[in-house]
Amino acid sequence: VATEDFRAGVCDAVMATAFRTRQFNAVAA
């Protein structure tokens, strides 16, 4: 829900594990 809310614009930033944030930056993940 946290990462989906970020994707949808509900959140301006998100903190989550790299498993979920890989979709936003694969290099860092």
mmCIF file of all heavy atoms, coordinates in Angstrom:
data_MODEL
# 
_entry.id   MODEL 
# 
loop_
_atom_site.group_PDB 
_atom_site.id 
_atom_site.type_symbol 
_atom_site.label_atom_id 
_atom_site.label_alt_id 
_atom_site.label_comp_id 
_atom_site.label_asym_id 
_atom_site.label_entity_id 
_atom_site.label_seq_id 
_atom_site.pdbx_PDB_ins_code 
_atom_site.Cartn_x 
_atom_site.Cartn_y 
_atom_site.Cartn_z 
_atom_site.occupancy 
_atom_site.B_iso_or_equiv 
_atom_site.pdbx_formal_charge 
_atom_site.auth_seq_id 
_atom_site.auth_comp_id 
_atom_site.auth_asym_id 
_atom_site.auth_atom_id 
_atom_site.pdbx_PDB_model_num 
ATOM 1   N N   . VAL A 1 1  ? 0.837  -1.203 0.000   1.00 0.00 ? 1  VAL A N   1 
ATOM 2   C CA  . VAL A 1 1  ? 0.000  0.000  0.000   1.00 0.00 ? 1  VAL A CA  1 
ATOM 3   C C   . VAL A 1 1  ? 0.872  1.254  0.000   1.00 0.00 ? 1  VAL A C   1 
ATOM 4   O O   . VAL A 1 1  ? 0.584  2.225  -0.707  1.00 0.00 ? 1  VAL A O   1 
ATOM 5   C CB  . VAL A 1 1  ? -0.949 0.008  1.216   1.00 0.00 ? 1  VAL A CB  1 
ATOM 6   C CG1 . VAL A 1 1  ? -1.739 1.316  1.277   1.00 0.00 ? 1  VAL A CG1 1 
ATOM 7   C CG2 . VAL A 1 1  ? -1.909 -1.178 1.144   1.00 0.00 ? 1  VAL A CG2 1 
ATOM 8   N N   . ALA A 1 2  ? 1.971  1.232  0.759   1.00 0.00 ? 2  ALA A N   1 
ATOM 9   C CA  . ALA A 1 2  ? 2.863  2.398  0.818   1.00 0.00 ? 2  ALA A CA  1 
ATOM 10  C C   . ALA A 1 2  ? 3.432  2.726  -0.555  1.00 0.00 ? 2  ALA A C   1 
ATOM 11  O O   . ALA A 1 2  ? 3.403  3.887  -0.998  1.00 0.00 ? 2  ALA A O   1 
ATOM 12  C CB  . ALA A 1 2  ? 3.993  2.148  1.810   1.00 0.00 ? 2  ALA A CB  1 
ATOM 13  N N   . THR A 1 3  ? 3.951  1.716  -1.247  1.00 0.00 ? 3  THR A N   1 
ATOM 14  C CA  . THR A 1 3  ? 4.558  1.973  -2.554  1.00 0.00 ? 3  THR A CA  1 
ATOM 15  C C   . THR A 1 3  ? 3.510  2.298  -3.612  1.00 0.00 ? 3  THR A C   1 
ATOM 16  O O   . THR A 1 3  ? 3.757  3.097  -4.514  1.00 0.00 ? 3  THR A O   1 
ATOM 17  C CB  . THR A 1 3  ? 5.414  0.774  -3.012  1.00 0.00 ? 3  THR A CB  1 
ATOM 18  O OG1 . THR A 1 3  ? 4.660  -0.443 -2.876  1.00 0.00 ? 3  THR A OG1 1 
ATOM 19  C CG2 . THR A 1 3  ? 6.675  0.668  -2.193  1.00 0.00 ? 3  THR A CG2 1 
ATOM 20  N N   . GLU A 1 4  ? 2.320  1.717  -3.485  1.00 0.00 ? 4  GLU A N   1 
ATOM 21  C CA  . GLU A 1 4  ? 1.262  2.032  -4.448  1.00 0.00 ? 4  GLU A CA  1 
ATOM 22  C C   . GLU A 1 4  ? 0.759  3.458  -4.244  1.00 0.00 ? 4  GLU A C   1 
ATOM 23  O O   . GLU A 1 4  ? 0.464  4.168  -5.205  1.00 0.00 ? 4  GLU A O   1 
ATOM 24  C CB  . GLU A 1 4  ? 0.110  1.035  -4.332  1.00 0.00 ? 4  GLU A CB  1 
ATOM 25  C CG  . GLU A 1 4  ? -0.948 1.180  -5.421  1.00 0.00 ? 4  GLU A CG  1 
ATOM 26  C CD  . GLU A 1 4  ? -0.385 1.211  -6.830  1.00 0.00 ? 4  GLU A CD  1 
ATOM 27  O OE1 . GLU A 1 4  ? 0.538  0.428  -7.122  1.00 0.00 ? 4  GLU A OE1 1 
ATOM 28  O OE2 . GLU A 1 4  ? -0.850 2.054  -7.635  1.00 0.00 ? 4  GLU A OE2 1 
ATOM 29  N N   . ASP A 1 5  ? 0.652  3.892  -2.983  1.00 0.00 ? 5  ASP A N   1 
ATOM 30  C CA  . ASP A 1 5  ? 0.253  5.273  -2.713  1.00 0.00 ? 5  ASP A CA  1 
ATOM 31  C C   . ASP A 1 5  ? 1.292  6.247  -3.260  1.00 0.00 ? 5  ASP A C   1 
ATOM 32  O O   . ASP A 1 5  ? 0.948  7.321  -3.770  1.00 0.00 ? 5  ASP A O   1 
ATOM 33  C CB  . ASP A 1 5  ? 0.081  5.490  -1.202  1.00 0.00 ? 5  ASP A CB  1 
ATOM 34  C CG  . ASP A 1 5  ? -1.313 5.092  -0.719  1.00 0.00 ? 5  ASP A CG  1 
ATOM 35  O OD1 . ASP A 1 5  ? -2.103 4.580  -1.542  1.00 0.00 ? 5  ASP A OD1 1 
ATOM 36  O OD2 . ASP A 1 5  ? -1.608 5.294  0.479   1.00 0.00 ? 5  ASP A OD2 1 
ATOM 37  N N   . PHE A 1 6  ? 2.564  5.871  -3.176  1.00 0.00 ? 6  PHE A N   1 
ATOM 38  C CA  . PHE A 1 6  ? 3.617  6.711  -3.744  1.00 0.00 ? 6  PHE A CA  1 
ATOM 39  C C   . PHE A 1 6  ? 3.467  6.790  -5.257  1.00 0.00 ? 6  PHE A C   1 
ATOM 40  O O   . PHE A 1 6  ? 3.512  7.866  -5.847  1.00 0.00 ? 6  PHE A O   1 
ATOM 41  C CB  . PHE A 1 6  ? 4.989  6.152  -3.374  1.00 0.00 ? 6  PHE A CB  1 
ATOM 42  C CG  . PHE A 1 6  ? 6.132  6.861  -4.040  1.00 0.00 ? 6  PHE A CG  1 
ATOM 43  C CD1 . PHE A 1 6  ? 6.362  8.219  -3.821  1.00 0.00 ? 6  PHE A CD1 1 
ATOM 44  C CD2 . PHE A 1 6  ? 6.993  6.174  -4.881  1.00 0.00 ? 6  PHE A CD2 1 
ATOM 45  C CE1 . PHE A 1 6  ? 7.427  8.878  -4.437  1.00 0.00 ? 6  PHE A CE1 1 
ATOM 46  C CE2 . PHE A 1 6  ? 8.058  6.814  -5.503  1.00 0.00 ? 6  PHE A CE2 1 
ATOM 47  C CZ  . PHE A 1 6  ? 8.272  8.172  -5.275  1.00 0.00 ? 6  PHE A CZ  1 
ATOM 48  N N   . ARG A 1 7  ? 3.256  5.657  -5.895  1.00 0.00 ? 7  ARG A N   1 
ATOM 49  C CA  . ARG A 1 7  ? 3.091  5.626  -7.346  1.00 0.00 ? 7  ARG A CA  1 
ATOM 50  C C   . ARG A 1 7  ? 1.884  6.463  -7.777  1.00 0.00 ? 7  ARG A C   1 
ATOM 51  O O   . ARG A 1 7  ? 1.920  7.151  -8.796  1.00 0.00 ? 7  ARG A O   1 
ATOM 52  C CB  . ARG A 1 7  ? 2.916  4.182  -7.834  1.00 0.00 ? 7  ARG A CB  1 
ATOM 53  C CG  . ARG A 1 7  ? 2.623  4.057  -9.317  1.00 0.00 ? 7  ARG A CG  1 
ATOM 54  C CD  . ARG A 1 7  ? 2.381  2.607  -9.703  1.00 0.00 ? 7  ARG A CD  1 
ATOM 55  N NE  . ARG A 1 7  ? 3.616  1.871  -9.745  1.00 0.00 ? 7  ARG A NE  1 
ATOM 56  C CZ  . ARG A 1 7  ? 4.497  1.950  -10.741 1.00 0.00 ? 7  ARG A CZ  1 
ATOM 57  N NH1 . ARG A 1 7  ? 4.268  2.749  -11.768 1.00 0.00 ? 7  ARG A NH1 1 
ATOM 58  N NH2 . ARG A 1 7  ? 5.593  1.240  -10.716 1.00 0.00 ? 7  ARG A NH2 1 
ATOM 59  N N   . ALA A 1 8  ? 0.817  6.412  -6.966  1.00 0.00 ? 8  ALA A N   1 
ATOM 60  C CA  . ALA A 1 8  ? -0.420 7.122  -7.311  1.00 0.00 ? 8  ALA A CA  1 
ATOM 61  C C   . ALA A 1 8  ? -0.354 8.614  -6.985  1.00 0.00 ? 8  ALA A C   1 
ATOM 62  O O   . ALA A 1 8  ? -1.279 9.359  -7.329  1.00 0.00 ? 8  ALA A O   1 
ATOM 63  C CB  . ALA A 1 8  ? -1.599 6.485  -6.581  1.00 0.00 ? 8  ALA A CB  1 
ATOM 64  N N   . GLY A 1 9  ? 0.713  9.062  -6.317  1.00 0.00 ? 9  GLY A N   1 
ATOM 65  C CA  . GLY A 1 9  ? 0.844  10.474 -6.001  1.00 0.00 ? 9  GLY A CA  1 
ATOM 66  C C   . GLY A 1 9  ? 0.297  10.873 -4.647  1.00 0.00 ? 9  GLY A C   1 
ATOM 67  O O   . GLY A 1 9  ? 0.309  12.051 -4.288  1.00 0.00 ? 9  GLY A O   1 
ATOM 68  N N   . VAL A 1 10 ? -0.195 9.899  -3.883  1.00 0.00 ? 10 VAL A N   1 
ATOM 69  C CA  . VAL A 1 10 ? -0.665 10.189 -2.525  1.00 0.00 ? 10 VAL A CA  1 
ATOM 70  C C   . VAL A 1 10 ? 0.523  10.594 -1.659  1.00 0.00 ? 10 VAL A C   1 
ATOM 71  O O   . VAL A 1 10 ? 0.410  11.455 -0.788  1.00 0.00 ? 10 VAL A O   1 
ATOM 72  C CB  . VAL A 1 10 ? -1.376 8.959  -1.919  1.00 0.00 ? 10 VAL A CB  1 
ATOM 73  C CG1 . VAL A 1 10 ? -1.766 9.215  -0.470  1.00 0.00 ? 10 VAL A CG1 1 
ATOM 74  C CG2 . VAL A 1 10 ? -2.607 8.597  -2.743  1.00 0.00 ? 10 VAL A CG2 1 
ATOM 75  N N   . CYS A 1 11 ? 1.665  9.952  -1.898  1.00 0.00 ? 11 CYS A N   1 
ATOM 76  C CA  . CYS A 1 11 ? 2.910  10.269 -1.189  1.00 0.00 ? 11 CYS A CA  1 
ATOM 77  C C   . CYS A 1 11 ? 3.858  10.965 -2.162  1.00 0.00 ? 11 CYS A C   1 
ATOM 78  O O   . CYS A 1 11 ? 3.886  10.643 -3.356  1.00 0.00 ? 11 CYS A O   1 
ATOM 79  C CB  . CYS A 1 11 ? 3.592  9.009  -0.679  1.00 0.00 ? 11 CYS A CB  1 
ATOM 80  S SG  . CYS A 1 11 ? 2.523  7.845  0.176   1.00 0.00 ? 11 CYS A SG  1 
ATOM 81  N N   . ASP A 1 12 ? 4.657  11.888 -1.648  1.00 0.00 ? 12 ASP A N   1 
ATOM 82  C CA  . ASP A 1 12 ? 5.683  12.551 -2.458  1.00 0.00 ? 12 ASP A CA  1 
ATOM 83  C C   . ASP A 1 12 ? 7.007  11.808 -2.354  1.00 0.00 ? 12 ASP A C   1 
ATOM 84  O O   . ASP A 1 12 ? 7.895  11.982 -3.194  1.00 0.00 ? 12 ASP A O   1 
ATOM 85  C CB  . ASP A 1 12 ? 5.868  14.000 -1.995  1.00 0.00 ? 12 ASP A CB  1 
ATOM 86  C CG  . ASP A 1 12 ? 4.555  14.774 -2.044  1.00 0.00 ? 12 ASP A CG  1 
ATOM 87  O OD1 . ASP A 1 12 ? 3.942  14.811 -3.122  1.00 0.00 ? 12 ASP A OD1 1 
ATOM 88  O OD2 . ASP A 1 12 ? 4.136  15.308 -0.989  1.00 0.00 ? 12 ASP A OD2 1 
ATOM 89  N N   . ALA A 1 13 ? 7.152  11.005 -1.313  1.00 0.00 ? 13 ALA A N   1 
ATOM 90  C CA  . ALA A 1 13 ? 8.352  10.199 -1.100  1.00 0.00 ? 13 ALA A CA  1 
ATOM 91  C C   . ALA A 1 13 ? 7.940  8.945  -0.345  1.00 0.00 ? 13 ALA A C   1 
ATOM 92  O O   . ALA A 1 13 ? 6.892  8.916  0.304   1.00 0.00 ? 13 ALA A O   1 
ATOM 93  C CB  . ALA A 1 13 ? 9.394  10.986 -0.311  1.00 0.00 ? 13 ALA A CB  1 
ATOM 94  N N   . VAL A 1 14 ? 8.789  7.921  -0.445  1.00 0.00 ? 14 VAL A N   1 
ATOM 95  C CA  . VAL A 1 14 ? 8.475  6.671  0.229   1.00 0.00 ? 14 VAL A CA  1 
ATOM 96  C C   . VAL A 1 14 ? 9.754  6.042  0.746   1.00 0.00 ? 14 VAL A C   1 
ATOM 97  O O   . VAL A 1 14 ? 10.833 6.209  0.154   1.00 0.00 ? 14 VAL A O   1 
ATOM 98  C CB  . VAL A 1 14 ? 7.740  5.693  -0.729  1.00 0.00 ? 14 VAL A CB  1 
ATOM 99  C CG1 . VAL A 1 14 ? 8.664  5.215  -1.847  1.00 0.00 ? 14 VAL A CG1 1 
ATOM 100 C CG2 . VAL A 1 14 ? 7.157  4.502  0.026   1.00 0.00 ? 14 VAL A CG2 1 
ATOM 101 N N   . MET A 1 15 ? 9.650  5.346  1.865   1.00 0.00 ? 15 MET A N   1 
ATOM 102 C CA  . MET A 1 15 ? 10.744 4.521  2.385   1.00 0.00 ? 15 MET A CA  1 
ATOM 103 C C   . MET A 1 15 ? 10.239 3.094  2.475   1.00 0.00 ? 15 MET A C   1 
ATOM 104 O O   . MET A 1 15 ? 9.248  2.826  3.163   1.00 0.00 ? 15 MET A O   1 
ATOM 105 C CB  . MET A 1 15 ? 11.208 5.027  3.756   1.00 0.00 ? 15 MET A CB  1 
ATOM 106 C CG  . MET A 1 15 ? 12.095 6.260  3.694   1.00 0.00 ? 15 MET A CG  1 
ATOM 107 S SD  . MET A 1 15 ? 12.653 6.783  5.346   1.00 0.00 ? 15 MET A SD  1 
ATOM 108 C CE  . MET A 1 15 ? 13.585 5.325  5.856   1.00 0.00 ? 15 MET A CE  1 
ATOM 109 N N   . ALA A 1 16 ? 10.919 2.192  1.775   1.00 0.00 ? 16 ALA A N   1 
ATOM 110 C CA  . ALA A 1 16 ? 10.502 0.795  1.743   1.00 0.00 ? 16 ALA A CA  1 
ATOM 111 C C   . ALA A 1 16 ? 11.714 -0.043 1.369   1.00 0.00 ? 16 ALA A C   1 
ATOM 112 O O   . ALA A 1 16 ? 12.791 0.494  1.068   1.00 0.00 ? 16 ALA A O   1 
ATOM 113 C CB  . ALA A 1 16 ? 9.363  0.595  0.739   1.00 0.00 ? 16 ALA A CB  1 
ATOM 114 N N   . THR A 1 17 ? 11.567 -1.359 1.373   1.00 0.00 ? 17 THR A N   1 
ATOM 115 C CA  . THR A 1 17 ? 12.697 -2.207 1.013   1.00 0.00 ? 17 THR A CA  1 
ATOM 116 C C   . THR A 1 17 ? 12.961 -2.126 -0.487  1.00 0.00 ? 17 THR A C   1 
ATOM 117 O O   . THR A 1 17 ? 12.077 -1.800 -1.279  1.00 0.00 ? 17 THR A O   1 
ATOM 118 C CB  . THR A 1 17 ? 12.440 -3.672 1.404   1.00 0.00 ? 17 THR A CB  1 
ATOM 119 O OG1 . THR A 1 17 ? 11.354 -4.189 0.607   1.00 0.00 ? 17 THR A OG1 1 
ATOM 120 C CG2 . THR A 1 17 ? 12.102 -3.804 2.877   1.00 0.00 ? 17 THR A CG2 1 
ATOM 121 N N   . ALA A 1 18 ? 14.188 -2.476 -0.853  1.00 0.00 ? 18 ALA A N   1 
ATOM 122 C CA  . ALA A 1 18 ? 14.577 -2.423 -2.262  1.00 0.00 ? 18 ALA A CA  1 
ATOM 123 C C   . ALA A 1 18 ? 13.766 -3.379 -3.123  1.00 0.00 ? 18 ALA A C   1 
ATOM 124 O O   . ALA A 1 18 ? 13.652 -3.182 -4.335  1.00 0.00 ? 18 ALA A O   1 
ATOM 125 C CB  . ALA A 1 18 ? 16.068 -2.725 -2.405  1.00 0.00 ? 18 ALA A CB  1 
ATOM 126 N N   . PHE A 1 19 ? 13.180 -4.415 -2.501  1.00 0.00 ? 19 PHE A N   1 
ATOM 127 C CA  . PHE A 1 19 ? 12.338 -5.334 -3.272  1.00 0.00 ? 19 PHE A CA  1 
ATOM 128 C C   . PHE A 1 19 ? 11.186 -4.574 -3.928  1.00 0.00 ? 19 PHE A C   1 
ATOM 129 O O   . PHE A 1 19 ? 10.795 -4.853 -5.058  1.00 0.00 ? 19 PHE A O   1 
ATOM 130 C CB  . PHE A 1 19 ? 11.752 -6.424 -2.356  1.00 0.00 ? 19 PHE A CB  1 
ATOM 131 C CG  . PHE A 1 19 ? 12.779 -7.290 -1.702  1.00 0.00 ? 19 PHE A CG  1 
ATOM 132 C CD1 . PHE A 1 19 ? 12.844 -7.395 -0.323  1.00 0.00 ? 19 PHE A CD1 1 
ATOM 133 C CD2 . PHE A 1 19 ? 13.684 -8.017 -2.455  1.00 0.00 ? 19 PHE A CD2 1 
ATOM 134 C CE1 . PHE A 1 19 ? 13.777 -8.197 0.294   1.00 0.00 ? 19 PHE A CE1 1 
ATOM 135 C CE2 . PHE A 1 19 ? 14.639 -8.827 -1.851  1.00 0.00 ? 19 PHE A CE2 1 
ATOM 136 C CZ  . PHE A 1 19 ? 14.692 -8.907 -0.466  1.00 0.00 ? 19 PHE A CZ  1 
ATOM 137 N N   . ARG A 1 20 ? 10.645 -3.596 -3.208  1.00 0.00 ? 20 ARG A N   1 
ATOM 138 C CA  . ARG A 1 20 ? 9.521  -2.812 -3.716  1.00 0.00 ? 20 ARG A CA  1 
ATOM 139 C C   . ARG A 1 20 ? 9.964  -1.558 -4.476  1.00 0.00 ? 20 ARG A C   1 
ATOM 140 O O   . ARG A 1 20 ? 9.263  -1.102 -5.369  1.00 0.00 ? 20 ARG A O   1 
ATOM 141 C CB  . ARG A 1 20 ? 8.612  -2.385 -2.560  1.00 0.00 ? 20 ARG A CB  1 
ATOM 142 C CG  . ARG A 1 20 ? 7.798  -3.508 -1.954  1.00 0.00 ? 20 ARG A CG  1 
ATOM 143 C CD  . ARG A 1 20 ? 6.600  -3.865 -2.788  1.00 0.00 ? 20 ARG A CD  1 
ATOM 144 N NE  . ARG A 1 20 ? 5.726  -4.816 -2.108  1.00 0.00 ? 20 ARG A NE  1 
ATOM 145 C CZ  . ARG A 1 20 ? 4.635  -5.347 -2.660  1.00 0.00 ? 20 ARG A CZ  1 
ATOM 146 N NH1 . ARG A 1 20 ? 4.289  -5.033 -3.889  1.00 0.00 ? 20 ARG A NH1 1 
ATOM 147 N NH2 . ARG A 1 20 ? 3.890  -6.194 -1.972  1.00 0.00 ? 20 ARG A NH2 1 
ATOM 148 N N   . THR A 1 21 ? 11.125 -0.980 -4.108  1.00 0.00 ? 21 THR A N   1 
ATOM 149 C CA  . THR A 1 21 ? 11.541 0.270  -4.747  1.00 0.00 ? 21 THR A CA  1 
ATOM 150 C C   . THR A 1 21 ? 12.294 0.028  -6.053  1.00 0.00 ? 21 THR A C   1 
ATOM 151 O O   . THR A 1 21 ? 12.589 0.977  -6.774  1.00 0.00 ? 21 THR A O   1 
ATOM 152 C CB  . THR A 1 21 ? 12.424 1.117  -3.811  1.00 0.00 ? 21 THR A CB  1 
ATOM 153 O OG1 . THR A 1 21 ? 13.637 0.409  -3.518  1.00 0.00 ? 21 THR A OG1 1 
ATOM 154 C CG2 . THR A 1 21 ? 11.686 1.440  -2.513  1.00 0.00 ? 21 THR A CG2 1 
ATOM 155 N N   . ARG A 1 22 ? 12.596 -1.234 -6.354  1.00 0.00 ? 22 ARG A N   1 
ATOM 156 C CA  . ARG A 1 22 ? 13.302 -1.551 -7.602  1.00 0.00 ? 22 ARG A CA  1 
ATOM 157 C C   . ARG A 1 22 ? 12.574 -0.978 -8.817  1.00 0.00 ? 22 ARG A C   1 
ATOM 158 O O   . ARG A 1 22 ? 13.192 -0.573 -9.802  1.00 0.00 ? 22 ARG A O   1 
ATOM 159 C CB  . ARG A 1 22 ? 13.439 -3.073 -7.753  1.00 0.00 ? 22 ARG A CB  1 
ATOM 160 C CG  . ARG A 1 22 ? 14.361 -3.516 -8.872  1.00 0.00 ? 22 ARG A CG  1 
ATOM 161 C CD  . ARG A 1 22 ? 14.386 -5.037 -8.980  1.00 0.00 ? 22 ARG A CD  1 
ATOM 162 N NE  . ARG A 1 22 ? 14.833 -5.674 -7.759  1.00 0.00 ? 22 ARG A NE  1 
ATOM 163 C CZ  . ARG A 1 22 ? 16.116 -5.894 -7.459  1.00 0.00 ? 22 ARG A CZ  1 
ATOM 164 N NH1 . ARG A 1 22 ? 17.058 -5.524 -8.305  1.00 0.00 ? 22 ARG A NH1 1 
ATOM 165 N NH2 . ARG A 1 22 ? 16.434 -6.487 -6.325  1.00 0.00 ? 22 ARG A NH2 1 
ATOM 166 N N   . GLN A 1 23 ? 11.251 -0.926 -8.749  1.00 0.00 ? 23 GLN A N   1 
ATOM 167 C CA  . GLN A 1 23 ? 10.466 -0.408 -9.871  1.00 0.00 ? 23 GLN A CA  1 
ATOM 168 C C   . GLN A 1 23 ? 10.730 1.067  -10.140 1.00 0.00 ? 23 GLN A C   1 
ATOM 169 O O   . GLN A 1 23 ? 10.508 1.554  -11.246 1.00 0.00 ? 23 GLN A O   1 
ATOM 170 C CB  . GLN A 1 23 ? 8.982  -0.616 -9.591  1.00 0.00 ? 23 GLN A CB  1 
ATOM 171 C CG  . GLN A 1 23 ? 8.486  0.104  -8.335  1.00 0.00 ? 23 GLN A CG  1 
ATOM 172 C CD  . GLN A 1 23 ? 7.062  -0.245 -7.962  1.00 0.00 ? 23 GLN A CD  1 
ATOM 173 O OE1 . GLN A 1 23 ? 6.153  -0.109 -8.786  1.00 0.00 ? 23 GLN A OE1 1 
ATOM 174 N NE2 . GLN A 1 23 ? 6.851  -0.701 -6.722  1.00 0.00 ? 23 GLN A NE2 1 
ATOM 175 N N   . PHE A 1 24 ? 11.230 1.787  -9.128  1.00 0.00 ? 24 PHE A N   1 
ATOM 176 C CA  . PHE A 1 24 ? 11.476 3.217  -9.268  1.00 0.00 ? 24 PHE A CA  1 
ATOM 177 C C   . PHE A 1 24 ? 12.938 3.531  -9.591  1.00 0.00 ? 24 PHE A C   1 
ATOM 178 O O   . PHE A 1 24 ? 13.226 4.574  -10.171 1.00 0.00 ? 24 PHE A O   1 
ATOM 179 C CB  . PHE A 1 24 ? 11.066 3.960  -7.995  1.00 0.00 ? 24 PHE A CB  1 
ATOM 180 C CG  . PHE A 1 24 ? 9.663  3.683  -7.559  1.00 0.00 ? 24 PHE A CG  1 
ATOM 181 C CD1 . PHE A 1 24 ? 9.393  3.045  -6.359  1.00 0.00 ? 24 PHE A CD1 1 
ATOM 182 C CD2 . PHE A 1 24 ? 8.587  4.039  -8.369  1.00 0.00 ? 24 PHE A CD2 1 
ATOM 183 C CE1 . PHE A 1 24 ? 8.092  2.776  -5.958  1.00 0.00 ? 24 PHE A CE1 1 
ATOM 184 C CE2 . PHE A 1 24 ? 7.286  3.779  -7.984  1.00 0.00 ? 24 PHE A CE2 1 
ATOM 185 C CZ  . PHE A 1 24 ? 7.035  3.142  -6.773  1.00 0.00 ? 24 PHE A CZ  1 
ATOM 186 N N   . ASN A 1 25 ? 13.849 2.636  -9.195  1.00 0.00 ? 25 ASN A N   1 
ATOM 187 C CA  . ASN A 1 25 ? 15.256 2.793  -9.559  1.00 0.00 ? 25 ASN A CA  1 
ATOM 188 C C   . ASN A 1 25 ? 15.956 1.443  -9.429  1.00 0.00 ? 25 ASN A C   1 
ATOM 189 O O   . ASN A 1 25 ? 16.263 0.998  -8.316  1.00 0.00 ? 25 ASN A O   1 
ATOM 190 C CB  . ASN A 1 25 ? 15.951 3.840  -8.687  1.00 0.00 ? 25 ASN A CB  1 
ATOM 191 C CG  . ASN A 1 25 ? 17.345 4.175  -9.218  1.00 0.00 ? 25 ASN A CG  1 
ATOM 192 O OD1 . ASN A 1 25 ? 18.257 3.354  -9.158  1.00 0.00 ? 25 ASN A OD1 1 
ATOM 193 N ND2 . ASN A 1 25 ? 17.507 5.373  -9.756  1.00 0.00 ? 25 ASN A ND2 1 
ATOM 194 N N   . ALA A 1 26 ? 16.211 0.827  -10.572 1.00 0.00 ? 26 ALA A N   1 
ATOM 195 C CA  . ALA A 1 26 ? 16.794 -0.520 -10.576 1.00 0.00 ? 26 ALA A CA  1 
ATOM 196 C C   . ALA A 1 26 ? 18.283 -0.510 -10.247 1.00 0.00 ? 26 ALA A C   1 
ATOM 197 O O   . ALA A 1 26 ? 18.812 -1.499 -9.745  1.00 0.00 ? 26 ALA A O   1 
ATOM 198 C CB  . ALA A 1 26 ? 16.563 -1.162 -11.939 1.00 0.00 ? 26 ALA A CB  1 
ATOM 199 N N   . VAL A 1 27 ? 18.974 0.601  -10.535 1.00 0.00 ? 27 VAL A N   1 
ATOM 200 C CA  . VAL A 1 27 ? 20.412 0.678  -10.243 1.00 0.00 ? 27 VAL A CA  1 
ATOM 201 C C   . VAL A 1 27 ? 20.650 0.585  -8.740  1.00 0.00 ? 27 VAL A C   1 
ATOM 202 O O   . VAL A 1 27 ? 21.434 -0.240 -8.270  1.00 0.00 ? 27 VAL A O   1 
ATOM 203 C CB  . VAL A 1 27 ? 21.016 1.993  -10.796 1.00 0.00 ? 27 VAL A CB  1 
ATOM 204 C CG1 . VAL A 1 27 ? 22.463 2.145  -10.330 1.00 0.00 ? 27 VAL A CG1 1 
ATOM 205 C CG2 . VAL A 1 27 ? 20.972 2.010  -12.315 1.00 0.00 ? 27 VAL A CG2 1 
ATOM 206 N N   . ALA A 1 28 ? 19.985 1.428  -7.978  1.00 0.00 ? 28 ALA A N   1 
ATOM 207 C CA  . ALA A 1 28 ? 20.161 1.423  -6.518  1.00 0.00 ? 28 ALA A CA  1 
ATOM 208 C C   . ALA A 1 28 ? 19.722 0.100  -5.909  1.00 0.00 ? 28 ALA A C   1 
ATOM 209 O O   . ALA A 1 28 ? 20.356 -0.417 -4.978  1.00 0.00 ? 28 ALA A O   1 
ATOM 210 C CB  . ALA A 1 28 ? 19.385 2.579  -5.893  1.00 0.00 ? 28 ALA A CB  1 
ATOM 211 N N   . ALA A 1 29 ? 18.645 -0.476 -6.437  1.00 0.00 ? 29 ALA A N   1 
ATOM 212 C CA  . ALA A 1 29 ? 18.117 -1.729 -5.885  1.00 0.00 ? 29 ALA A CA  1 
ATOM 213 C C   . ALA A 1 29 ? 19.025 -2.922 -6.163  1.00 0.00 ? 29 ALA A C   1 
ATOM 214 O O   . ALA A 1 29 ? 18.839 -3.989 -5.569  1.00 0.00 ? 29 ALA A O   1 
ATOM 215 C CB  . ALA A 1 29 ? 16.718 -1.994 -6.434  1.00 0.00 ? 29 ALA A CB  1 
# 
